[in-house]
PDB file of N, CA and C in Angstrom:
ATOM      1  N   MET A   1     138.953 158.895  89.486  1.00  0.00           N
ATOM      2  CA  MET A   1     140.096 159.508  90.113  1.00  0.00           C
ATOM      3  C   MET A   1     140.407 158.789  91.421  1.00  0.00           C
ATOM      4  N   ALA A   2     141.654 158.733  91.740  1.00  0.00           N
ATOM      5  CA  ALA A   2     142.089 158.045  92.954  1.00  0.00           C
ATOM      6  C   ALA A   2     142.805 159.013  93.880  1.00  0.00           C
ATOM      7  N   GLU A   3     142.789 158.701  95.168  1.00  0.00           N
ATOM      8  CA  GLU A   3     143.475 159.555  96.130  1.00  0.00           C
ATOM      9  C   GLU A   3     144.958 159.239  96.204  1.00  0.00           C
ATOM     10  N   ASN A   4     145.393 158.145  95.650  1.00  0.00           N
ATOM     11  CA  ASN A   4     146.768 157.704  95.835  1.00  0.00           C
ATOM     12  C   ASN A   4     147.714 158.194  94.741  1.00  0.00           C
ATOM     13  N   SER A   5     147.428 159.331  94.123  1.00  0.00           N
ATOM     14  CA  SER A   5     148.309 159.857  93.091  1.00  0.00           C
ATOM     15  C   SER A   5     149.484 160.604  93.731  1.00  0.00           C
ATOM     16  N   GLU A   6     150.485 160.876  92.922  1.00  0.00           N
ATOM     17  CA  GLU A   6     151.645 161.639  93.401  1.00  0.00           C
ATOM     18  C   GLU A   6     151.215 163.021  93.880  1.00  0.00           C
ATOM     19  N   ALA A   7     150.367 163.687  93.118  1.00  0.00           N
ATOM     20  CA  ALA A   7     149.916 165.028  93.497  1.00  0.00           C
ATOM     21  C   ALA A   7     149.089 164.989  94.780  1.00  0.00           C
ATOM     22  N   SER A   8     148.290 163.952  94.972  1.00  0.00           N
ATOM     23  CA  SER A   8     147.512 163.821  96.207  1.00  0.00           C
ATOM     24  C   SER A   8     148.433 163.717  97.411  1.00  0.00           C
ATOM     25  N   ALA A   9     149.482 162.942  97.268  1.00  0.00           N
ATOM     26  CA  ALA A   9     150.444 162.785  98.358  1.00  0.00           C
ATOM     27  C   ALA A   9     151.126 164.114  98.680  1.00  0.00           C
ATOM     28  N   VAL A  10     151.442 164.897  97.662  1.00  0.00           N
ATOM     29  CA  VAL A  10     152.088 166.189  97.879  1.00  0.00           C
ATOM     30  C   VAL A  10     151.139 167.138  98.610  1.00  0.00           C
ATOM     31  N   LEU A  11     149.864 167.163  98.225  1.00  0.00           N
ATOM     32  CA  LEU A  11     148.913 168.031  98.917  1.00  0.00           C
ATOM     33  C   LEU A  11     148.745 167.621 100.376  1.00  0.00           C
ATOM     34  N   ARG A  12     148.663 166.337 100.631  1.00  0.00           N
ATOM     35  CA  ARG A  12     148.564 165.879 102.030  1.00  0.00           C
ATOM     36  C   ARG A  12     149.807 166.291 102.822  1.00  0.00           C
ATOM     37  N   GLU A  13     150.967 166.170 102.207  1.00  0.00           N
ATOM     38  CA  GLU A  13     152.211 166.557 102.871  1.00  0.00           C
ATOM     39  C   GLU A  13     152.255 168.064 103.104  1.00  0.00           C
ATOM     40  N   LEU A  14     151.802 168.846 102.142  1.00  0.00           N
ATOM     41  CA  LEU A  14     151.746 170.290 102.294  1.00  0.00           C
ATOM     42  C   LEU A  14     150.917 170.670 103.512  1.00  0.00           C
ATOM     43  N   TRP A  15     149.720 170.109 103.630  1.00  0.00           N
ATOM     44  CA  TRP A  15     148.846 170.418 104.767  1.00  0.00           C
ATOM     45  C   TRP A  15     149.442 169.912 106.082  1.00  0.00           C
ATOM     46  N   ALA A  16     150.096 168.770 106.058  1.00  0.00           N
ATOM     47  CA  ALA A  16     150.716 168.241 107.282  1.00  0.00           C
ATOM     48  C   ALA A  16     151.820 169.175 107.768  1.00  0.00           C
ATOM     49  N   ARG A  17     152.601 169.711 106.843  1.00  0.00           N
ATOM     50  CA  ARG A  17     153.692 170.612 107.235  1.00  0.00           C
ATOM     51  C   ARG A  17     153.153 171.942 107.746  1.00  0.00           C
ATOM     52  N   ILE A  18     152.070 172.439 107.149  1.00  0.00           N
ATOM     53  CA  ILE A  18     151.453 173.667 107.648  1.00  0.00           C
ATOM     54  C   ILE A  18     150.876 173.417 109.040  1.00  0.00           C
ATOM     55  N   ASP A  19     150.203 172.303 109.235  1.00  0.00           N
ATOM     56  CA  ASP A  19     149.618 171.990 110.537  1.00  0.00           C
ATOM     57  C   ASP A  19     150.703 171.865 111.610  1.00  0.00           C
ATOM     58  N   ALA A  20     151.836 171.293 111.246  1.00  0.00           N
ATOM     59  CA  ALA A  20     152.944 171.107 112.196  1.00  0.00           C
ATOM     60  C   ALA A  20     153.805 172.366 112.354  1.00  0.00           C
ATOM     61  N   GLN A  21     153.485 173.400 111.594  1.00  0.00           N
ATOM     62  CA  GLN A  21     154.293 174.624 111.555  1.00  0.00           C
ATOM     63  C   GLN A  21     155.748 174.308 111.207  1.00  0.00           C
ATOM     64  N   ASP A  22     155.922 173.381 110.278  1.00  0.00           N
ATOM     65  CA  ASP A  22     157.245 172.978 109.781  1.00  0.00           C
ATOM     66  C   ASP A  22     157.570 173.844 108.562  1.00  0.00           C
ATOM     67  N   TRP A  23     158.012 175.082 108.835  1.00  0.00           N
ATOM     68  CA  TRP A  23     158.202 176.037 107.749  1.00  0.00           C
ATOM     69  C   TRP A  23     159.378 175.685 106.857  1.00  0.00           C
ATOM     70  N   ASP A  24     160.430 175.125 107.399  1.00  0.00           N
ATOM     71  CA  ASP A  24     161.551 174.683 106.564  1.00  0.00           C
ATOM     72  C   ASP A  24     161.109 173.520 105.678  1.00  0.00           C
ATOM     73  N   GLY A  25     160.353 172.593 106.247  1.00  0.00           N
ATOM     74  CA  GLY A  25     159.842 171.466 105.470  1.00  0.00           C
ATOM     75  C   GLY A  25     158.890 171.914 104.377  1.00  0.00           C
ATOM     76  N   LEU A  26     158.050 172.918 104.684  1.00  0.00           N
ATOM     77  CA  LEU A  26     157.139 173.451 103.670  1.00  0.00           C
ATOM     78  C   LEU A  26     157.933 174.088 102.547  1.00  0.00           C
ATOM     79  N   ALA A  27     158.933 174.878 102.893  1.00  0.00           N
ATOM     80  CA  ALA A  27     159.755 175.523 101.866  1.00  0.00           C
ATOM     81  C   ALA A  27     160.426 174.489 100.970  1.00  0.00           C
ATOM     82  N   GLY A  28     160.901 173.394 101.558  1.00  0.00           N
ATOM     83  CA  GLY A  28     161.550 172.345 100.778  1.00  0.00           C
ATOM     84  C   GLY A  28     160.600 171.572  99.890  1.00  0.00           C
ATOM     85  N   LEU A  29     159.317 171.588 100.213  1.00  0.00           N
ATOM     86  CA  LEU A  29     158.312 170.874  99.431  1.00  0.00           C
ATOM     87  C   LEU A  29     157.902 171.643  98.181  1.00  0.00           C
ATOM     88  N   LEU A  30     157.987 172.970  98.238  1.00  0.00           N
ATOM     89  CA  LEU A  30     157.474 173.812  97.160  1.00  0.00           C
ATOM     90  C   LEU A  30     158.480 173.963  96.025  1.00  0.00           C
ATOM     91  N   ASP A  31     158.001 173.834  94.806  1.00  0.00           N
ATOM     92  CA  ASP A  31     158.824 174.040  93.618  1.00  0.00           C
ATOM     93  C   ASP A  31     159.235 175.512  93.541  1.00  0.00           C
ATOM     94  N   PRO A  32     160.493 175.799  93.224  1.00  0.00           N
ATOM     95  CA  PRO A  32     160.933 177.200  93.139  1.00  0.00           C
ATOM     96  C   PRO A  32     160.129 178.033  92.131  1.00  0.00           C
ATOM     97  N   GLY A  33     159.549 177.391  91.137  1.00  0.00           N
ATOM     98  CA  GLY A  33     158.771 178.107  90.129  1.00  0.00           C
ATOM     99  C   GLY A  33     157.298 178.248  90.465  1.00  0.00           C
ATOM    100  N   LEU A  34     156.911 177.811  91.654  1.00  0.00           N
ATOM    101  CA  LEU A  34     155.510 177.862  92.067  1.00  0.00           C
ATOM    102  C   LEU A  34     154.987 179.293  92.129  1.00  0.00           C
ATOM    103  N   THR A  35     153.751 179.466  91.663  1.00  0.00           N
ATOM    104  CA  THR A  35     152.987 180.678  91.938  1.00  0.00           C
ATOM    105  C   THR A  35     151.698 180.220  92.589  1.00  0.00           C
ATOM    106  N   ALA A  36     151.497 180.592  93.854  1.00  0.00           N
ATOM    107  CA  ALA A  36     150.256 180.272  94.556  1.00  0.00           C
ATOM    108  C   ALA A  36     149.302 181.436  94.328  1.00  0.00           C
ATOM    109  N   HIS A  37     148.117 181.144  93.820  1.00  0.00           N
ATOM    110  CA  HIS A  37     147.134 182.176  93.487  1.00  0.00           C
ATOM    111  C   HIS A  37     145.934 182.056  94.408  1.00  0.00           C
ATOM    112  N   TYR A  38     145.619 183.126  95.120  1.00  0.00           N
ATOM    113  CA  TYR A  38     144.421 183.185  95.962  1.00  0.00           C
ATOM    114  C   TYR A  38     143.297 183.780  95.107  1.00  0.00           C
ATOM    115  N   THR A  39     142.406 182.923  94.652  1.00  0.00           N
ATOM    116  CA  THR A  39     141.369 183.305  93.702  1.00  0.00           C
ATOM    117  C   THR A  39     140.503 184.456  94.199  1.00  0.00           C
ATOM    118  N   HIS A  40     140.085 184.409  95.453  1.00  0.00           N
ATOM    119  CA  HIS A  40     139.131 185.404  95.951  1.00  0.00           C
ATOM    120  C   HIS A  40     139.740 186.790  96.142  1.00  0.00           C
ATOM    121  N   THR A  41     141.038 186.869  96.371  1.00  0.00           N
ATOM    122  CA  THR A  41     141.672 188.173  96.595  1.00  0.00           C
ATOM    123  C   THR A  41     142.530 188.612  95.418  1.00  0.00           C
ATOM    124  N   GLY A  42     142.825 187.681  94.510  1.00  0.00           N
ATOM    125  CA  GLY A  42     143.668 188.003  93.370  1.00  0.00           C
ATOM    126  C   GLY A  42     145.149 188.072  93.698  1.00  0.00           C
ATOM    127  N   GLU A  43     145.526 187.675  94.907  1.00  0.00           N
ATOM    128  CA  GLU A  43     146.924 187.727  95.320  1.00  0.00           C
ATOM    129  C   GLU A  43     147.697 186.533  94.755  1.00  0.00           C
ATOM    130  N   ASN A  44     148.965 186.777  94.449  1.00  0.00           N
ATOM    131  CA  ASN A  44     149.879 185.728  94.010  1.00  0.00           C
ATOM    132  C   ASN A  44     151.083 185.705  94.938  1.00  0.00           C
ATOM    133  N   PHE A  45     151.571 184.496  95.229  1.00  0.00           N
ATOM    134  CA  PHE A  45     152.678 184.331  96.156  1.00  0.00           C
ATOM    135  C   PHE A  45     153.738 183.417  95.568  1.00  0.00           C
ATOM    136  N   SER A  46     154.990 183.817  95.717  1.00  0.00           N
ATOM    137  CA  SER A  46     156.114 182.939  95.390  1.00  0.00           C
ATOM    138  C   SER A  46     156.232 181.926  96.526  1.00  0.00           C
ATOM    139  N   PRO A  47     157.058 180.895  96.372  1.00  0.00           N
ATOM    140  CA  PRO A  47     157.233 179.944  97.477  1.00  0.00           C
ATOM    141  C   PRO A  47     157.663 180.612  98.776  1.00  0.00           C
ATOM    142  N   ASP A  48     158.638 181.522  98.718  1.00  0.00           N
ATOM    143  CA  ASP A  48     159.099 182.201  99.938  1.00  0.00           C
ATOM    144  C   ASP A  48     157.984 183.032 100.565  1.00  0.00           C
ATOM    145  N   GLU A  49     157.219 183.710  99.733  1.00  0.00           N
ATOM    146  CA  GLU A  49     156.117 184.534 100.241  1.00  0.00           C
ATOM    147  C   GLU A  49     155.015 183.673 100.860  1.00  0.00           C
ATOM    148  N   LEU A  50     154.753 182.516 100.266  1.00  0.00           N
ATOM    149  CA  LEU A  50     153.720 181.622 100.797  1.00  0.00           C
ATOM    150  C   LEU A  50     154.133 181.068 102.161  1.00  0.00           C
ATOM    151  N   VAL A  51     155.387 180.699 102.295  1.00  0.00           N
ATOM    152  CA  VAL A  51     155.882 180.219 103.585  1.00  0.00           C
ATOM    153  C   VAL A  51     155.800 181.338 104.617  1.00  0.00           C
ATOM    154  N   ARG A  52     156.248 182.527 104.244  1.00  0.00           N
ATOM    155  CA  ARG A  52     156.219 183.661 105.171  1.00  0.00           C
ATOM    156  C   ARG A  52     154.787 183.995 105.595  1.00  0.00           C
ATOM    157  N   LEU A  53     153.856 183.994 104.645  1.00  0.00           N
ATOM    158  CA  LEU A  53     152.448 184.252 104.957  1.00  0.00           C
ATOM    159  C   LEU A  53     151.936 183.277 106.011  1.00  0.00           C
ATOM    160  N   ASN A  54     152.195 181.998 105.833  1.00  0.00           N
ATOM    161  CA  ASN A  54     151.738 180.988 106.790  1.00  0.00           C
ATOM    162  C   ASN A  54     152.460 181.103 108.128  1.00  0.00           C
ATOM    163  N   ARG A  55     153.761 181.349 108.097  1.00  0.00           N
ATOM    164  CA  ARG A  55     154.547 181.459 109.318  1.00  0.00           C
ATOM    165  C   ARG A  55     154.114 182.659 110.161  1.00  0.00           C
ATOM    166  N   GLU A  56     153.830 183.778 109.513  1.00  0.00           N
ATOM    167  CA  GLU A  56     153.531 185.011 110.234  1.00  0.00           C
ATOM    168  C   GLU A  56     152.049 185.238 110.494  1.00  0.00           C
ATOM    169  N   TYR A  57     151.186 184.366 109.971  1.00  0.00           N
ATOM    170  CA  TYR A  57     149.754 184.570 110.172  1.00  0.00           C
ATOM    171  C   TYR A  57     149.445 184.468 111.665  1.00  0.00           C
ATOM    172  N   PRO A  58     148.691 185.433 112.216  1.00  0.00           N
ATOM    173  CA  PRO A  58     148.447 185.442 113.668  1.00  0.00           C
ATOM    174  C   PRO A  58     147.681 184.213 114.158  1.00  0.00           C
ATOM    175  N   GLY A  59     148.021 183.758 115.347  1.00  0.00           N
ATOM    176  CA  GLY A  59     147.315 182.649 115.977  1.00  0.00           C
ATOM    177  C   GLY A  59     147.931 181.297 115.668  1.00  0.00           C
ATOM    178  N   ARG A  60     147.405 180.284 116.304  1.00  0.00           N
ATOM    179  CA  ARG A  60     147.837 178.895 116.077  1.00  0.00           C
ATOM    180  C   ARG A  60     146.716 178.169 115.365  1.00  0.00           C
ATOM    181  N   TRP A  61     146.922 177.924 114.106  1.00  0.00           N
ATOM    182  CA  TRP A  61     145.901 177.311 113.254  1.00  0.00           C
ATOM    183  C   TRP A  61     146.157 175.823 113.104  1.00  0.00           C
ATOM    184  N   HIS A  62     145.088 175.058 113.080  1.00  0.00           N
ATOM    185  CA  HIS A  62     145.167 173.615 112.848  1.00  0.00           C
ATOM    186  C   HIS A  62     144.441 173.288 111.554  1.00  0.00           C
ATOM    187  N   VAL A  63     144.944 172.273 110.880  1.00  0.00           N
ATOM    188  CA  VAL A  63     144.417 171.873 109.582  1.00  0.00           C
ATOM    189  C   VAL A  63     143.757 170.509 109.697  1.00  0.00           C
ATOM    190  N   ASP A  64     142.567 170.407 109.159  1.00  0.00           N
ATOM    191  CA  ASP A  64     141.878 169.124 109.030  1.00  0.00           C
ATOM    192  C   ASP A  64     141.614 168.909 107.547  1.00  0.00           C
ATOM    193  N   VAL A  65     142.347 167.974 106.934  1.00  0.00           N
ATOM    194  CA  VAL A  65     142.144 167.672 105.522  1.00  0.00           C
ATOM    195  C   VAL A  65     140.890 166.818 105.409  1.00  0.00           C
ATOM    196  N   GLU A  66     139.896 167.348 104.732  1.00  0.00           N
ATOM    197  CA  GLU A  66     138.602 166.674 104.629  1.00  0.00           C
ATOM    198  C   GLU A  66     138.503 165.776 103.405  1.00  0.00           C
ATOM    199  N   ASP A  67     139.228 166.102 102.349  1.00  0.00           N
ATOM    200  CA  ASP A  67     139.134 165.297 101.136  1.00  0.00           C
ATOM    201  C   ASP A  67     140.313 165.618 100.221  1.00  0.00           C
ATOM    202  N   VAL A  68     140.818 164.614  99.545  1.00  0.00           N
ATOM    203  CA  VAL A  68     141.839 164.780  98.513  1.00  0.00           C
ATOM    204  C   VAL A  68     141.473 163.851  97.366  1.00  0.00           C
ATOM    205  N   VAL A  69     141.445 164.413  96.173  1.00  0.00           N
ATOM    206  CA  VAL A  69     141.152 163.619  94.979  1.00  0.00           C
ATOM    207  C   VAL A  69     142.194 163.972  93.935  1.00  0.00           C
ATOM    208  N   GLY A  70     142.777 162.962  93.328  1.00  0.00           N
ATOM    209  CA  GLY A  70     143.784 163.234  92.322  1.00  0.00           C
ATOM    210  C   GLY A  70     144.031 162.053  91.419  1.00  0.00           C
ATOM    211  N   GLU A  71     144.696 162.354  90.343  1.00  0.00           N
ATOM    212  CA  GLU A  71     145.119 161.318  89.416  1.00  0.00           C
ATOM    213  C   GLU A  71     146.416 161.784  88.777  1.00  0.00           C
ATOM    214  N   GLY A  72     147.442 160.963  88.916  1.00  0.00           N
ATOM    215  CA  GLY A  72     148.732 161.306  88.323  1.00  0.00           C
ATOM    216  C   GLY A  72     149.293 162.586  88.891  1.00  0.00           C
ATOM    217  N   ALA A  73     149.541 163.542  88.014  1.00  0.00           N
ATOM    218  CA  ALA A  73     150.208 164.783  88.385  1.00  0.00           C
ATOM    219  C   ALA A  73     149.267 165.870  88.885  1.00  0.00           C
ATOM    220  N   ARG A  74     147.956 165.602  88.929  1.00  0.00           N
ATOM    221  CA  ARG A  74     147.008 166.647  89.334  1.00  0.00           C
ATOM    222  C   ARG A  74     146.135 166.172  90.484  1.00  0.00           C
ATOM    223  N   ALA A  75     145.839 167.114  91.401  1.00  0.00           N
ATOM    224  CA  ALA A  75     144.992 166.778  92.543  1.00  0.00           C
ATOM    225  C   ALA A  75     144.326 168.036  93.092  1.00  0.00           C
ATOM    226  N   VAL A  76     143.284 167.806  93.876  1.00  0.00           N
ATOM    227  CA  VAL A  76     142.593 168.880  94.575  1.00  0.00           C
ATOM    228  C   VAL A  76     142.356 168.425  96.013  1.00  0.00           C
ATOM    229  N   SER A  77     142.466 169.361  96.949  1.00  0.00           N
ATOM    230  CA  SER A  77     142.177 169.039  98.344  1.00  0.00           C
ATOM    231  C   SER A  77     141.145 170.023  98.878  1.00  0.00           C
ATOM    232  N   ARG A  78     140.429 169.554  99.888  1.00  0.00           N
ATOM    233  CA  ARG A  78     139.485 170.390 100.634  1.00  0.00           C
ATOM    234  C   ARG A  78     139.894 170.281 102.092  1.00  0.00           C
ATOM    235  N   ALA A  79     140.197 171.415 102.699  1.00  0.00           N
ATOM    236  CA  ALA A  79     140.688 171.417 104.080  1.00  0.00           C
ATOM    237  C   ALA A  79     139.951 172.472 104.896  1.00  0.00           C
ATOM    238  N   ARG A  80     139.915 172.225 106.192  1.00  0.00           N
ATOM    239  CA  ARG A  80     139.348 173.186 107.136  1.00  0.00           C
ATOM    240  C   ARG A  80     140.474 173.665 108.038  1.00  0.00           C
ATOM    241  N   LEU A  81     140.652 174.970 108.138  1.00  0.00           N
ATOM    242  CA  LEU A  81     141.658 175.573 109.000  1.00  0.00           C
ATOM    243  C   LEU A  81     140.927 176.311 110.110  1.00  0.00           C
ATOM    244  N   SER A  82     141.362 176.072 111.345  1.00  0.00           N
ATOM    245  CA  SER A  82     140.694 176.711 112.478  1.00  0.00           C
ATOM    246  C   SER A  82     141.695 177.044 113.570  1.00  0.00           C
ATOM    247  N   ASP A  83     141.439 178.170 114.241  1.00  0.00           N
ATOM    248  CA  ASP A  83     142.208 178.535 115.424  1.00  0.00           C
ATOM    249  C   ASP A  83     141.371 178.348 116.683  1.00  0.00           C
ATOM    250  N   GLY A  84     140.240 177.678 116.562  1.00  0.00           N
ATOM    251  CA  GLY A  84     139.337 177.459 117.679  1.00  0.00           C
ATOM    252  C   GLY A  84     138.258 178.513 117.772  1.00  0.00           C
ATOM    253  N   THR A  85     138.471 179.641 117.142  1.00  0.00           N
ATOM    254  CA  THR A  85     137.486 180.721 117.119  1.00  0.00           C
ATOM    255  C   THR A  85     136.964 180.933 115.706  1.00  0.00           C
ATOM    256  N   GLN A  86     137.889 181.034 114.770  1.00  0.00           N
ATOM    257  CA  GLN A  86     137.545 181.230 113.368  1.00  0.00           C
ATOM    258  C   GLN A  86     137.844 179.954 112.595  1.00  0.00           C
ATOM    259  N   THR A  87     137.049 179.713 111.560  1.00  0.00           N
ATOM    260  CA  THR A  87     137.256 178.555 110.702  1.00  0.00           C
ATOM    261  C   THR A  87     137.162 178.988 109.255  1.00  0.00           C
ATOM    262  N   TYR A  88     138.089 178.489 108.457  1.00  0.00           N
ATOM    263  CA  TYR A  88     138.102 178.762 107.016  1.00  0.00           C
ATOM    264  C   TYR A  88     138.128 177.422 106.284  1.00  0.00           C
ATOM    265  N   HIS A  89     137.458 177.391 105.140  1.00  0.00           N
ATOM    266  CA  HIS A  89     137.442 176.218 104.268  1.00  0.00           C
ATOM    267  C   HIS A  89     138.260 176.570 103.030  1.00  0.00           C
ATOM    268  N   VAL A  90     139.193 175.692 102.688  1.00  0.00           N
ATOM    269  CA  VAL A  90     140.155 175.977 101.634  1.00  0.00           C
ATOM    270  C   VAL A  90     140.161 174.858 100.603  1.00  0.00           C
ATOM    271  N   ALA A  91     140.036 175.235  99.338  1.00  0.00           N
ATOM    272  CA  ALA A  91     140.215 174.280  98.237  1.00  0.00           C
ATOM    273  C   ALA A  91     141.559 174.593  97.595  1.00  0.00           C
ATOM    274  N   SER A  92     142.366 173.571  97.388  1.00  0.00           N
ATOM    275  CA  SER A  92     143.685 173.755  96.771  1.00  0.00           C
ATOM    276  C   SER A  92     143.805 172.822  95.567  1.00  0.00           C
ATOM    277  N   PHE A  93     144.299 173.370  94.491  1.00  0.00           N
ATOM    278  CA  PHE A  93     144.516 172.608  93.265  1.00  0.00           C
ATOM    279  C   PHE A  93     146.002 172.566  92.997  1.00  0.00           C
ATOM    280  N   ALA A  94     146.515 171.397  92.673  1.00  0.00           N
ATOM    281  CA  ALA A  94     147.949 171.257  92.490  1.00  0.00           C
ATOM    282  C   ALA A  94     148.275 170.437  91.249  1.00  0.00           C
ATOM    283  N   THR A  95     149.337 170.832  90.603  1.00  0.00           N
ATOM    284  CA  THR A  95     149.949 170.045  89.532  1.00  0.00           C
ATOM    285  C   THR A  95     151.390 169.798  89.968  1.00  0.00           C
ATOM    286  N   VAL A  96     151.800 168.536  89.985  1.00  0.00           N
ATOM    287  CA  VAL A  96     153.142 168.171  90.429  1.00  0.00           C
ATOM    288  C   VAL A  96     153.965 167.775  89.214  1.00  0.00           C
TER     289      VAL A  96
END
């Protein structure tokens, strides 16, 4: 697997827009038919709901993309999100 796939580029761009708090750019990146599924909570989000969740989440969070692996239309990323006090590790799987 290579990091230079189309899906890998989309995941990197997704994290860059979240880190920059570019909510319009994030909305434009997401496919209208997207369903984002949070495995641990069972929640599902439409593109608008996912943007709103990130925009309204309390605090100023920064993203550090630790790894992206993909091939063609599929990729996975591992990222660390932190507000300086709390840190979360996030795995994201994408099909473009």
